[in-house]
Amino acid sequence: MRVSTSKYEWAHGKKPRGHGYWMFFEDNNLGADRDRWNISRVGTYSKAKEQAIILAKLSGITSLRVGE
């Protein structure tokens, strides 16, 4: 599954990594005000991403983006 980090990288000037509060959104190109699906996780980025992908697949979502 594709997980876009471009908006996160633009906002923070670095790739997502480490421990934190992570938000993942359906990457639907509709804009933040029209996001229908999202999930948040606390922990390492890699573990949060892994969990978000599993839940997205169960919801029929094919691509995600990391929250800014």
N, C-alpha and C. Protein backbone atom coordinates (compact mmCIF):
# COMPACT_ATOMS: atom_id res chain seq x y z
N MET A 1 0.85 -1.18 0.00
CA MET A 1 0.00 0.00 0.00
C MET A 1 0.89 1.24 0.00
N ARG A 2 0.46 2.23 -0.75
CA ARG A 2 1.21 3.49 -0.81
C ARG A 2 0.85 4.35 0.39
N VAL A 3 1.88 4.87 1.06
CA VAL A 3 1.69 5.80 2.17
C VAL A 3 2.48 7.06 1.84
N SER A 4 1.77 8.12 1.50
CA SER A 4 2.41 9.38 1.10
C SER A 4 2.89 10.13 2.34
N THR A 5 4.12 10.61 2.28
CA THR A 5 4.67 11.42 3.37
C THR A 5 5.01 12.84 2.91
N SER A 6 4.68 13.18 1.68
CA SER A 6 5.12 14.46 1.12
C SER A 6 4.60 15.67 1.89
N LYS A 7 3.34 15.67 2.30
CA LYS A 7 2.80 16.80 3.06
C LYS A 7 3.45 16.89 4.44
N TYR A 8 3.70 15.75 5.07
CA TYR A 8 4.39 15.74 6.36
C TYR A 8 5.80 16.31 6.20
N GLU A 9 6.50 15.83 5.17
CA GLU A 9 7.87 16.30 4.95
C GLU A 9 7.90 17.79 4.66
N TRP A 10 6.92 18.30 3.91
CA TRP A 10 6.87 19.72 3.61
C TRP A 10 6.65 20.52 4.90
N ALA A 11 5.74 20.04 5.76
CA ALA A 11 5.40 20.75 6.99
C ALA A 11 6.50 20.69 8.05
N HIS A 12 7.23 19.56 8.10
CA HIS A 12 8.21 19.35 9.18
C HIS A 12 9.66 19.39 8.71
N GLY A 13 9.86 19.37 7.42
CA GLY A 13 11.22 19.42 6.89
C GLY A 13 12.02 18.15 7.07
N LYS A 14 11.34 17.05 7.33
CA LYS A 14 12.03 15.76 7.50
C LYS A 14 11.03 14.64 7.29
N LYS A 15 11.55 13.45 7.08
CA LYS A 15 10.70 12.27 6.93
C LYS A 15 10.15 11.86 8.30
N PRO A 16 8.96 11.27 8.32
CA PRO A 16 8.41 10.82 9.60
C PRO A 16 9.22 9.66 10.16
N ARG A 17 9.51 9.74 11.44
CA ARG A 17 10.22 8.65 12.11
C ARG A 17 10.19 8.88 13.61
N GLY A 18 10.54 7.84 14.33
CA GLY A 18 10.61 7.94 15.78
C GLY A 18 9.27 7.74 16.46
N HIS A 19 9.26 8.05 17.74
CA HIS A 19 8.08 7.87 18.58
C HIS A 19 7.25 9.14 18.57
N GLY A 20 5.92 8.98 18.49
CA GLY A 20 5.06 10.14 18.51
C GLY A 20 3.60 9.78 18.38
N TYR A 21 2.79 10.80 18.13
CA TYR A 21 1.36 10.65 17.90
C TYR A 21 1.16 10.80 16.40
N TRP A 22 0.78 9.74 15.73
CA TRP A 22 0.72 9.70 14.27
C TRP A 22 -0.72 9.65 13.78
N MET A 23 -1.00 10.45 12.77
CA MET A 23 -2.31 10.46 12.13
C MET A 23 -2.14 9.99 10.69
N PHE A 24 -3.04 9.13 10.26
CA PHE A 24 -3.06 8.65 8.88
C PHE A 24 -4.44 8.93 8.31
N PHE A 25 -4.47 9.40 7.06
CA PHE A 25 -5.71 9.73 6.39
C PHE A 25 -5.79 8.98 5.07
N GLU A 26 -7.00 8.72 4.64
CA GLU A 26 -7.18 8.18 3.30
C GLU A 26 -6.65 9.22 2.33
N ASP A 27 -5.78 8.82 1.42
CA ASP A 27 -5.19 9.75 0.46
C ASP A 27 -6.13 9.84 -0.74
N ASN A 28 -7.16 10.69 -0.58
CA ASN A 28 -8.21 10.76 -1.59
C ASN A 28 -8.19 12.05 -2.39
N ASN A 29 -7.21 12.92 -2.14
CA ASN A 29 -7.06 14.19 -2.86
C ASN A 29 -8.28 15.09 -2.73
N LEU A 30 -9.06 14.93 -1.68
CA LEU A 30 -10.22 15.79 -1.47
C LEU A 30 -9.93 16.95 -0.54
N GLY A 31 -8.82 16.91 0.16
CA GLY A 31 -8.49 17.96 1.11
C GLY A 31 -8.86 17.58 2.53
N ALA A 32 -8.20 18.21 3.48
CA ALA A 32 -8.37 17.86 4.89
C ALA A 32 -9.82 18.02 5.36
N ASP A 33 -10.55 19.00 4.83
CA ASP A 33 -11.91 19.22 5.27
C ASP A 33 -12.88 18.17 4.74
N ARG A 34 -12.42 17.31 3.85
CA ARG A 34 -13.31 16.30 3.27
C ARG A 34 -12.83 14.88 3.56
N ASP A 35 -11.86 14.72 4.44
CA ASP A 35 -11.37 13.39 4.78
C ASP A 35 -12.48 12.60 5.46
N ARG A 36 -12.72 11.40 4.96
CA ARG A 36 -13.77 10.56 5.52
C ARG A 36 -13.22 9.50 6.45
N TRP A 37 -11.97 9.16 6.31
CA TRP A 37 -11.39 8.07 7.09
C TRP A 37 -10.07 8.53 7.66
N ASN A 38 -9.85 8.30 8.93
CA ASN A 38 -8.55 8.58 9.53
C ASN A 38 -8.35 7.67 10.72
N ILE A 39 -7.11 7.57 11.11
CA ILE A 39 -6.77 6.75 12.27
C ILE A 39 -5.57 7.39 12.95
N SER A 40 -5.55 7.32 14.26
CA SER A 40 -4.41 7.84 15.00
C SER A 40 -3.80 6.71 15.84
N ARG A 41 -2.52 6.80 16.01
CA ARG A 41 -1.78 5.81 16.78
C ARG A 41 -0.64 6.50 17.52
N VAL A 42 -0.35 6.03 18.72
CA VAL A 42 0.79 6.50 19.48
C VAL A 42 1.82 5.39 19.47
N GLY A 43 3.07 5.75 19.22
CA GLY A 43 4.15 4.77 19.19
C GLY A 43 5.16 5.13 18.13
N THR A 44 5.94 4.17 17.72
CA THR A 44 6.92 4.44 16.67
C THR A 44 6.21 4.58 15.34
N TYR A 45 6.80 5.37 14.46
CA TYR A 45 6.19 5.57 13.14
C TYR A 45 6.01 4.25 12.42
N SER A 46 7.03 3.40 12.46
CA SER A 46 6.96 2.14 11.71
C SER A 46 5.82 1.25 12.22
N LYS A 47 5.63 1.17 13.52
CA LYS A 47 4.55 0.35 14.09
C LYS A 47 3.19 0.99 13.81
N ALA A 48 3.10 2.31 13.94
CA ALA A 48 1.85 3.00 13.67
C ALA A 48 1.45 2.83 12.21
N LYS A 49 2.42 2.94 11.31
CA LYS A 49 2.16 2.77 9.88
C LYS A 49 1.67 1.35 9.60
N GLU A 50 2.32 0.38 10.19
CA GLU A 50 1.93 -1.03 10.01
C GLU A 50 0.47 -1.25 10.44
N GLN A 51 0.09 -0.70 11.59
CA GLN A 51 -1.28 -0.85 12.08
C GLN A 51 -2.27 -0.11 11.19
N ALA A 52 -1.90 1.09 10.74
CA ALA A 52 -2.79 1.88 9.88
C ALA A 52 -3.05 1.16 8.56
N ILE A 53 -2.02 0.53 8.01
CA ILE A 53 -2.18 -0.20 6.75
C ILE A 53 -3.16 -1.37 6.92
N ILE A 54 -3.02 -2.09 8.00
CA ILE A 54 -3.92 -3.22 8.26
C ILE A 54 -5.37 -2.73 8.33
N LEU A 55 -5.61 -1.69 9.10
CA LEU A 55 -6.97 -1.17 9.26
C LEU A 55 -7.50 -0.56 7.97
N ALA A 56 -6.64 0.09 7.21
CA ALA A 56 -7.06 0.67 5.93
C ALA A 56 -7.49 -0.43 4.97
N LYS A 57 -6.71 -1.49 4.89
CA LYS A 57 -7.06 -2.59 4.00
C LYS A 57 -8.40 -3.20 4.38
N LEU A 58 -8.65 -3.34 5.67
CA LEU A 58 -9.93 -3.88 6.13
C LEU A 58 -11.09 -2.96 5.73
N SER A 59 -10.81 -1.67 5.56
CA SER A 59 -11.83 -0.68 5.16
C SER A 59 -11.90 -0.49 3.66
N GLY A 60 -11.08 -1.22 2.91
CA GLY A 60 -11.09 -1.10 1.45
C GLY A 60 -10.35 0.11 0.93
N ILE A 61 -9.48 0.68 1.73
CA ILE A 61 -8.71 1.86 1.32
C ILE A 61 -7.41 1.40 0.70
N THR A 62 -7.01 2.06 -0.39
CA THR A 62 -5.83 1.62 -1.13
C THR A 62 -4.61 2.51 -0.96
N SER A 63 -4.78 3.73 -0.45
CA SER A 63 -3.60 4.58 -0.22
C SER A 63 -3.85 5.51 0.96
N LEU A 64 -2.77 5.81 1.67
CA LEU A 64 -2.82 6.64 2.87
C LEU A 64 -1.86 7.80 2.74
N ARG A 65 -2.06 8.79 3.61
CA ARG A 65 -1.06 9.84 3.76
C ARG A 65 -0.88 10.09 5.25
N VAL A 66 0.33 10.51 5.61
CA VAL A 66 0.64 10.82 7.00
C VAL A 66 0.16 12.25 7.26
N GLY A 67 -0.48 12.44 8.41
CA GLY A 67 -0.98 13.77 8.77
C GLY A 67 0.13 14.77 8.96
N GLU A 68 -0.17 16.00 8.60
CA GLU A 68 0.77 17.09 8.75
C GLU A 68 0.79 17.49 10.18
